[in-house]
Amino acid sequence: MNIYSDLSQLALKYLKDTEVNLNNVLIITGDFNIRDNFWDPSFPHHSSHRDTLFDITDSFRLEISKPTESFPTRYSNNVQDSNLVLDLVFLQPNSTEYNNHYIHPD
């Protein structure tokens, strides 16, 4: 499942508030527009949206998969703004790809 959640988190609200009847979801990935220190150590805060996202992914028995090397997934055109980690991957923790993927910085 590929998800894009806008800054208002409409996709997360929909998934949380709607009984989603999907079977055998193996991967959830996308741009979640959530800044959080769990996946971006350069960001000092916890987001309540992370809790919602984890509740949703837990319902599919998926966990966040961390890349083999950390890179920002959104690069700012403005040098005064920081680069961000907004794109995430959730997989079954027993899959061979879990914590074994690479984000190409280009």
C-alpha atoms as a PDB file:
ATOM      1  CA  MET A   1       0.000   0.000   0.000  1.00  0.00           C
ATOM      2  CA  ASN A   2       1.412   3.382  -0.983  1.00  0.00           C
ATOM      3  CA  ILE A   3       0.236   6.325   1.106  1.00  0.00           C
ATOM      4  CA  TYR A   4       0.571  10.046   0.714  1.00  0.00           C
ATOM      5  CA  SER A   5      -0.642  11.935   3.752  1.00  0.00           C
ATOM      6  CA  ASP A   6      -0.867  15.687   3.324  1.00  0.00           C
ATOM      7  CA  LEU A   7       0.059  18.174   6.031  1.00  0.00           C
ATOM      8  CA  SER A   8      -3.448  17.810   7.515  1.00  0.00           C
ATOM      9  CA  GLN A   9      -2.869  14.038   7.810  1.00  0.00           C
ATOM     10  CA  LEU A  10      -6.067  13.251   5.893  1.00  0.00           C
ATOM     11  CA  ALA A  11      -4.851   9.806   4.800  1.00  0.00           C
ATOM     12  CA  LEU A  12      -4.022   8.795   8.369  1.00  0.00           C
ATOM     13  CA  LYS A  13      -7.378  10.098   9.611  1.00  0.00           C
ATOM     14  CA  TYR A  14      -9.155   8.115   6.910  1.00  0.00           C
ATOM     15  CA  LEU A  15      -7.283   4.895   7.695  1.00  0.00           C
ATOM     16  CA  LYS A  16      -7.837   5.324  11.427  1.00  0.00           C
ATOM     17  CA  ASP A  17     -11.516   6.256  11.222  1.00  0.00           C
ATOM     18  CA  THR A  18     -12.499   3.790   8.515  1.00  0.00           C
ATOM     19  CA  GLU A  19     -12.581   0.080   9.024  1.00  0.00           C
ATOM     20  CA  VAL A  20     -10.148  -0.954   6.343  1.00  0.00           C
ATOM     21  CA  ASN A  21     -10.844  -4.444   5.051  1.00  0.00           C
ATOM     22  CA  LEU A  22      -7.523  -5.372   3.485  1.00  0.00           C
ATOM     23  CA  ASN A  23      -5.879  -8.743   3.786  1.00  0.00           C
ATOM     24  CA  ASN A  24      -2.242  -9.710   3.350  1.00  0.00           C
ATOM     25  CA  VAL A  25      -0.728  -6.231   3.363  1.00  0.00           C
ATOM     26  CA  LEU A  26       2.989  -6.917   3.062  1.00  0.00           C
ATOM     27  CA  ILE A  27       4.319  -3.384   2.804  1.00  0.00           C
ATOM     28  CA  ILE A  28       3.169   0.145   3.540  1.00  0.00           C
ATOM     29  CA  THR A  29       5.318   2.925   2.206  1.00  0.00           C
ATOM     30  CA  GLY A  30       4.946   6.544   1.323  1.00  0.00           C
ATOM     31  CA  ASP A  31       5.327  10.183   2.203  1.00  0.00           C
ATOM     32  CA  PHE A  32       3.675  10.579   5.580  1.00  0.00           C
ATOM     33  CA  ASN A  33       4.580  14.255   6.150  1.00  0.00           C
ATOM     34  CA  ILE A  34       5.390  13.499   9.777  1.00  0.00           C
ATOM     35  CA  ARG A  35       8.532  14.781  11.419  1.00  0.00           C
ATOM     36  CA  ASP A  36       9.569  12.698  14.391  1.00  0.00           C
ATOM     37  CA  ASN A  37      12.761  11.936  16.286  1.00  0.00           C
ATOM     38  CA  PHE A  38      12.122   8.180  15.992  1.00  0.00           C
ATOM     39  CA  TRP A  39      13.174   8.150  12.319  1.00  0.00           C
ATOM     40  CA  ASP A  40      14.945  11.502  12.092  1.00  0.00           C
ATOM     41  CA  PRO A  41      17.527  12.018  14.868  1.00  0.00           C
ATOM     42  CA  SER A  42      18.079  15.605  13.728  1.00  0.00           C
ATOM     43  CA  PHE A  43      14.493  16.426  14.744  1.00  0.00           C
ATOM     44  CA  PRO A  44      14.207  16.831  18.517  1.00  0.00           C
ATOM     45  CA  HIS A  45      10.480  16.174  19.022  1.00  0.00           C
ATOM     46  CA  HIS A  46       7.904  13.394  19.144  1.00  0.00           C
ATOM     47  CA  SER A  47       4.776  13.756  17.006  1.00  0.00           C
ATOM     48  CA  SER A  48       1.365  12.491  18.097  1.00  0.00           C
ATOM     49  CA  HIS A  49       0.838  11.589  14.427  1.00  0.00           C
ATOM     50  CA  ARG A  50       3.541   8.956  14.880  1.00  0.00           C
ATOM     51  CA  ASP A  51       1.324   7.228  17.439  1.00  0.00           C
ATOM     52  CA  THR A  52      -1.580   7.190  14.982  1.00  0.00           C
ATOM     53  CA  LEU A  53       0.646   5.878  12.208  1.00  0.00           C
ATOM     54  CA  PHE A  54       2.010   3.115  14.457  1.00  0.00           C
ATOM     55  CA  ASP A  55      -1.530   2.147  15.526  1.00  0.00           C
ATOM     56  CA  ILE A  56      -2.453   1.737  11.856  1.00  0.00           C
ATOM     57  CA  THR A  57       0.659  -0.223  10.912  1.00  0.00           C
ATOM     58  CA  ASP A  58       0.331  -2.391  14.033  1.00  0.00           C
ATOM     59  CA  SER A  59      -3.152  -3.388  12.863  1.00  0.00           C
ATOM     60  CA  PHE A  60      -1.499  -4.831   9.737  1.00  0.00           C
ATOM     61  CA  ARG A  61       1.271  -6.437  11.853  1.00  0.00           C
ATOM     62  CA  LEU A  62       3.906  -4.274  10.177  1.00  0.00           C
ATOM     63  CA  GLU A  63       6.806  -2.409  11.771  1.00  0.00           C
ATOM     64  CA  ILE A  64       8.912   0.471  10.590  1.00  0.00           C
ATOM     65  CA  SER A  65      11.945  -0.677   8.669  1.00  0.00           C
ATOM     66  CA  LYS A  66      15.027   1.438   9.045  1.00  0.00           C
ATOM     67  CA  PRO A  67      17.350   1.799   6.040  1.00  0.00           C
ATOM     68  CA  THR A  68      20.888   0.467   6.123  1.00  0.00           C
ATOM     69  CA  GLU A  69      22.076   4.100   5.952  1.00  0.00           C
ATOM     70  CA  SER A  70      20.073   7.153   6.942  1.00  0.00           C
ATOM     71  CA  PHE A  71      19.493   9.866   4.373  1.00  0.00           C
ATOM     72  CA  PRO A  72      16.909  12.619   4.160  1.00  0.00           C
ATOM     73  CA  THR A  73      14.026  11.747   1.873  1.00  0.00           C
ATOM     74  CA  ARG A  74      13.093  15.352   1.150  1.00  0.00           C
ATOM     75  CA  TYR A  75      15.712  17.906   0.215  1.00  0.00           C
ATOM     76  CA  SER A  76      14.884  21.578   0.627  1.00  0.00           C
ATOM     77  CA  ASN A  77      15.574  24.083  -2.143  1.00  0.00           C
ATOM     78  CA  ASN A  78      16.156  26.714   0.524  1.00  0.00           C
ATOM     79  CA  VAL A  79      19.583  26.390   2.187  1.00  0.00           C
ATOM     80  CA  GLN A  80      18.134  27.835   5.397  1.00  0.00           C
ATOM     81  CA  ASP A  81      15.654  24.956   5.718  1.00  0.00           C
ATOM     82  CA  SER A  82      16.757  21.543   6.864  1.00  0.00           C
ATOM     83  CA  ASN A  83      16.407  18.370   4.850  1.00  0.00           C
ATOM     84  CA  LEU A  84      13.776  15.989   6.200  1.00  0.00           C
ATOM     85  CA  VAL A  85      12.923  12.334   6.608  1.00  0.00           C
ATOM     86  CA  LEU A  86       9.261  12.024   5.578  1.00  0.00           C
ATOM     87  CA  ASP A  87       9.171   8.839   3.493  1.00  0.00           C
ATOM     88  CA  LEU A  88       8.928   5.626   5.460  1.00  0.00           C
ATOM     89  CA  VAL A  89       8.698   1.873   4.885  1.00  0.00           C
ATOM     90  CA  PHE A  90       6.730  -0.576   7.042  1.00  0.00           C
ATOM     91  CA  LEU A  91       7.274  -4.308   6.583  1.00  0.00           C
ATOM     92  CA  GLN A  92       6.669  -7.573   8.328  1.00  0.00           C
ATOM     93  CA  PRO A  93       9.524  -7.857  10.834  1.00  0.00           C
ATOM     94  CA  ASN A  94      10.334 -11.425   9.765  1.00  0.00           C
ATOM     95  CA  SER A  95      10.862 -10.485   6.091  1.00  0.00           C
ATOM     96  CA  THR A  96      14.390 -10.535   4.664  1.00  0.00           C
ATOM     97  CA  GLU A  97      14.020  -6.899   3.565  1.00  0.00           C
ATOM     98  CA  TYR A  98      13.243  -5.701   7.106  1.00  0.00           C
ATOM     99  CA  ASN A  99      15.944  -3.208   8.166  1.00  0.00           C
ATOM    100  CA  ASN A 100      17.777  -4.127   4.979  1.00  0.00           C
ATOM    101  CA  HIS A 101      16.774  -1.492   2.439  1.00  0.00           C
ATOM    102  CA  TYR A 102      18.728   1.419   1.023  1.00  0.00           C
ATOM    103  CA  ILE A 103      17.603   4.951   0.194  1.00  0.00           C
ATOM    104  CA  HIS A 104      19.435   6.337  -2.777  1.00  0.00           C
ATOM    105  CA  PRO A 105      20.259   9.986  -1.916  1.00  0.00           C
ATOM    106  CA  ASP A 106      19.890  11.153  -5.516  1.00  0.00           C
END
